[in-house]
Amino acid sequence: MDREEFYKNYKPFGNQMILDIIKDFKDDIPDKLNSLSTAIEQKSFDNIRTISHNIKGSLGVFYDEKARQLASELEMSGKKQRKDVLEEQFQKLSELVNELLRELDQVKQELENE
């Protein structure tokens, strides 16, 4: 997460707006990852592409370029039906999302203490 860029773009809207964005992401991302996992298991390439695209957009909000890039690669793998790399890409993406969630917990705590 690029905190500097994130704050530059969202801080003018106030801490409550940032807290709401974080809450929405934390509420939504587990279902998105579960849906993506299911789509990968079922080799549902259209769903893999669509869900990965959606996750990529969500990650872009937080300027997490590494995770966003991986979601983009997963999207392309779904488009090209590259079932040989989907599981590995999904595992890496899940790890990066978990890192982001931990960082967002820190951001949330900092904002609540201001």
C-alpha atoms as a PDB file:
ATOM      1  CA  MET A   1       0.000   0.000   0.000  1.00  0.00           C
ATOM      2  CA  ASP A   2       1.260   3.408  -0.894  1.00  0.00           C
ATOM      3  CA  ARG A   3       0.038   5.293   2.171  1.00  0.00           C
ATOM      4  CA  GLU A   4       1.347   8.619   0.953  1.00  0.00           C
ATOM      5  CA  GLU A   5      -0.625   8.428  -2.286  1.00  0.00           C
ATOM      6  CA  PHE A   6      -3.678   7.043  -0.489  1.00  0.00           C
ATOM      7  CA  TYR A   7      -3.691   9.862   2.072  1.00  0.00           C
ATOM      8  CA  LYS A   8      -3.015  12.485  -0.574  1.00  0.00           C
ATOM      9  CA  ASN A   9      -6.146  11.434  -2.448  1.00  0.00           C
ATOM     10  CA  TYR A  10      -8.500  10.567   0.414  1.00  0.00           C
ATOM     11  CA  LYS A  11      -7.446  12.681   3.424  1.00  0.00           C
ATOM     12  CA  PRO A  12      -9.250  15.786   2.063  1.00  0.00           C
ATOM     13  CA  PHE A  13     -12.520  13.857   2.469  1.00  0.00           C
ATOM     14  CA  GLY A  14     -11.873  13.314   6.174  1.00  0.00           C
ATOM     15  CA  ASN A  15     -10.997  10.421   8.432  1.00  0.00           C
ATOM     16  CA  GLN A  16     -14.531   9.038   8.557  1.00  0.00           C
ATOM     17  CA  MET A  17     -14.576   8.611   4.780  1.00  0.00           C
ATOM     18  CA  ILE A  18     -11.273   6.727   4.919  1.00  0.00           C
ATOM     19  CA  LEU A  19     -12.552   4.528   7.753  1.00  0.00           C
ATOM     20  CA  ASP A  20     -15.682   3.764   5.714  1.00  0.00           C
ATOM     21  CA  ILE A  21     -13.593   2.802   2.670  1.00  0.00           C
ATOM     22  CA  ILE A  22     -11.473   0.499   4.815  1.00  0.00           C
ATOM     23  CA  LYS A  23     -14.552  -1.066   6.421  1.00  0.00           C
ATOM     24  CA  ASP A  24     -16.208  -1.688   3.055  1.00  0.00           C
ATOM     25  CA  PHE A  25     -13.075  -3.344   1.689  1.00  0.00           C
ATOM     26  CA  LYS A  26     -12.643  -5.512   4.785  1.00  0.00           C
ATOM     27  CA  ASP A  27     -16.308  -6.527   4.622  1.00  0.00           C
ATOM     28  CA  ASP A  28     -16.246  -7.367   0.909  1.00  0.00           C
ATOM     29  CA  ILE A  29     -12.854  -8.899   0.174  1.00  0.00           C
ATOM     30  CA  PRO A  30     -13.359 -12.264   1.952  1.00  0.00           C
ATOM     31  CA  ASP A  31     -16.429 -13.012  -0.191  1.00  0.00           C
ATOM     32  CA  LYS A  32     -14.599 -11.948  -3.343  1.00  0.00           C
ATOM     33  CA  LEU A  33     -11.664 -14.213  -2.541  1.00  0.00           C
ATOM     34  CA  ASN A  34     -13.991 -17.114  -1.723  1.00  0.00           C
ATOM     35  CA  SER A  35     -15.837 -16.594  -5.007  1.00  0.00           C
ATOM     36  CA  LEU A  36     -12.545 -16.470  -6.880  1.00  0.00           C
ATOM     37  CA  SER A  37     -11.369 -19.670  -5.200  1.00  0.00           C
ATOM     38  CA  THR A  38     -14.601 -21.410  -6.183  1.00  0.00           C
ATOM     39  CA  ALA A  39     -14.313 -20.145  -9.765  1.00  0.00           C
ATOM     40  CA  ILE A  40     -10.754 -21.489  -9.941  1.00  0.00           C
ATOM     41  CA  GLU A  41     -11.815 -24.880  -8.562  1.00  0.00           C
ATOM     42  CA  GLN A  42     -14.614 -25.051 -11.127  1.00  0.00           C
ATOM     43  CA  LYS A  43     -12.381 -23.759 -13.954  1.00  0.00           C
ATOM     44  CA  SER A  44     -14.997 -21.086 -14.596  1.00  0.00           C
ATOM     45  CA  PHE A  45     -12.736 -18.845 -16.634  1.00  0.00           C
ATOM     46  CA  ASP A  46     -15.279 -16.058 -17.235  1.00  0.00           C
ATOM     47  CA  ASN A  47     -15.914 -15.805 -13.507  1.00  0.00           C
ATOM     48  CA  ILE A  48     -12.177 -15.879 -12.770  1.00  0.00           C
ATOM     49  CA  ARG A  49     -11.680 -12.984 -15.156  1.00  0.00           C
ATOM     50  CA  THR A  50     -14.624 -10.963 -13.812  1.00  0.00           C
ATOM     51  CA  ILE A  51     -13.875 -11.489 -10.124  1.00  0.00           C
ATOM     52  CA  SER A  52     -10.160 -10.820 -10.584  1.00  0.00           C
ATOM     53  CA  HIS A  53     -10.997  -7.602 -12.412  1.00  0.00           C
ATOM     54  CA  ASN A  54     -13.252  -6.539  -9.548  1.00  0.00           C
ATOM     55  CA  ILE A  55     -10.568  -7.318  -6.958  1.00  0.00           C
ATOM     56  CA  LYS A  56      -8.011  -5.414  -9.035  1.00  0.00           C
ATOM     57  CA  GLY A  57     -10.202  -2.313  -8.836  1.00  0.00           C
ATOM     58  CA  SER A  58     -10.651  -2.673  -5.093  1.00  0.00           C
ATOM     59  CA  LEU A  59      -6.896  -2.952  -4.584  1.00  0.00           C
ATOM     60  CA  GLY A  60      -6.318   0.102  -6.743  1.00  0.00           C
ATOM     61  CA  VAL A  61      -8.173   2.222  -4.198  1.00  0.00           C
ATOM     62  CA  PHE A  62      -5.365   1.529  -1.716  1.00  0.00           C
ATOM     63  CA  TYR A  63      -2.541   2.000  -4.213  1.00  0.00           C
ATOM     64  CA  ASP A  64      -1.305  -1.543  -3.575  1.00  0.00           C
ATOM     65  CA  GLU A  65       0.473  -1.956  -6.878  1.00  0.00           C
ATOM     66  CA  LYS A  66       1.958  -5.385  -6.167  1.00  0.00           C
ATOM     67  CA  ALA A  67      -1.406  -6.944  -5.279  1.00  0.00           C
ATOM     68  CA  ARG A  68      -3.188  -5.045  -8.048  1.00  0.00           C
ATOM     69  CA  GLN A  69      -0.669  -6.350 -10.587  1.00  0.00           C
ATOM     70  CA  LEU A  70      -1.153  -9.909  -9.384  1.00  0.00           C
ATOM     71  CA  ALA A  71      -4.943  -9.547  -9.662  1.00  0.00           C
ATOM     72  CA  SER A  72      -4.391  -8.299 -13.210  1.00  0.00           C
ATOM     73  CA  GLU A  73      -2.253 -11.356 -13.991  1.00  0.00           C
ATOM     74  CA  LEU A  74      -4.977 -13.610 -12.591  1.00  0.00           C
ATOM     75  CA  GLU A  75      -7.505 -11.806 -14.761  1.00  0.00           C
ATOM     76  CA  MET A  76      -5.344 -12.462 -17.831  1.00  0.00           C
ATOM     77  CA  SER A  77      -4.818 -16.089 -16.830  1.00  0.00           C
ATOM     78  CA  GLY A  78      -8.591 -16.478 -16.656  1.00  0.00           C
ATOM     79  CA  LYS A  79      -8.973 -14.834 -20.046  1.00  0.00           C
ATOM     80  CA  LYS A  80      -6.307 -17.105 -21.575  1.00  0.00           C
ATOM     81  CA  GLN A  81      -7.615 -20.141 -19.637  1.00  0.00           C
ATOM     82  CA  ARG A  82      -4.185 -20.778 -18.104  1.00  0.00           C
ATOM     83  CA  LYS A  83      -5.300 -23.288 -15.499  1.00  0.00           C
ATOM     84  CA  ASP A  84      -1.661 -24.263 -14.829  1.00  0.00           C
ATOM     85  CA  VAL A  85      -0.932 -20.992 -12.965  1.00  0.00           C
ATOM     86  CA  LEU A  86      -4.268 -20.087 -11.390  1.00  0.00           C
ATOM     87  CA  GLU A  87      -3.781 -21.798  -8.022  1.00  0.00           C
ATOM     88  CA  GLU A  88      -0.324 -20.346  -7.466  1.00  0.00           C
ATOM     89  CA  GLN A  89      -1.444 -16.857  -8.466  1.00  0.00           C
ATOM     90  CA  PHE A  90      -4.466 -17.117  -6.176  1.00  0.00           C
ATOM     91  CA  GLN A  91      -2.316 -18.160  -3.205  1.00  0.00           C
ATOM     92  CA  LYS A  92       0.061 -15.248  -3.759  1.00  0.00           C
ATOM     93  CA  LEU A  93      -2.846 -12.833  -4.138  1.00  0.00           C
ATOM     94  CA  SER A  94      -4.430 -14.104  -0.916  1.00  0.00           C
ATOM     95  CA  GLU A  95      -1.143 -13.529   0.922  1.00  0.00           C
ATOM     96  CA  LEU A  96      -0.839  -9.991  -0.417  1.00  0.00           C
ATOM     97  CA  VAL A  97      -4.439  -9.206   0.485  1.00  0.00           C
ATOM     98  CA  ASN A  98      -3.806 -10.451   4.024  1.00  0.00           C
ATOM     99  CA  GLU A  99      -0.762  -8.166   4.244  1.00  0.00           C
ATOM    100  CA  LEU A 100      -2.908  -5.270   3.067  1.00  0.00           C
ATOM    101  CA  LEU A 101      -5.585  -6.091   5.639  1.00  0.00           C
ATOM    102  CA  ARG A 102      -2.984  -5.961   8.415  1.00  0.00           C
ATOM    103  CA  GLU A 103      -1.735  -2.622   7.136  1.00  0.00           C
ATOM    104  CA  LEU A 104      -5.288  -1.291   6.939  1.00  0.00           C
ATOM    105  CA  ASP A 105      -5.789  -2.271  10.582  1.00  0.00           C
ATOM    106  CA  GLN A 106      -2.797  -0.067  11.415  1.00  0.00           C
ATOM    107  CA  VAL A 107      -4.160   2.808   9.321  1.00  0.00           C
ATOM    108  CA  LYS A 108      -7.540   2.445  11.005  1.00  0.00           C
ATOM    109  CA  GLN A 109      -5.975   2.546  14.448  1.00  0.00           C
ATOM    110  CA  GLU A 110      -3.898   5.615  13.559  1.00  0.00           C
ATOM    111  CA  LEU A 111      -6.945   7.470  12.230  1.00  0.00           C
ATOM    112  CA  GLU A 112      -9.062   6.592  15.244  1.00  0.00           C
ATOM    113  CA  ASN A 113      -6.323   7.927  17.527  1.00  0.00           C
ATOM    114  CA  GLU A 114      -6.066  11.302  15.774  1.00  0.00           C
END
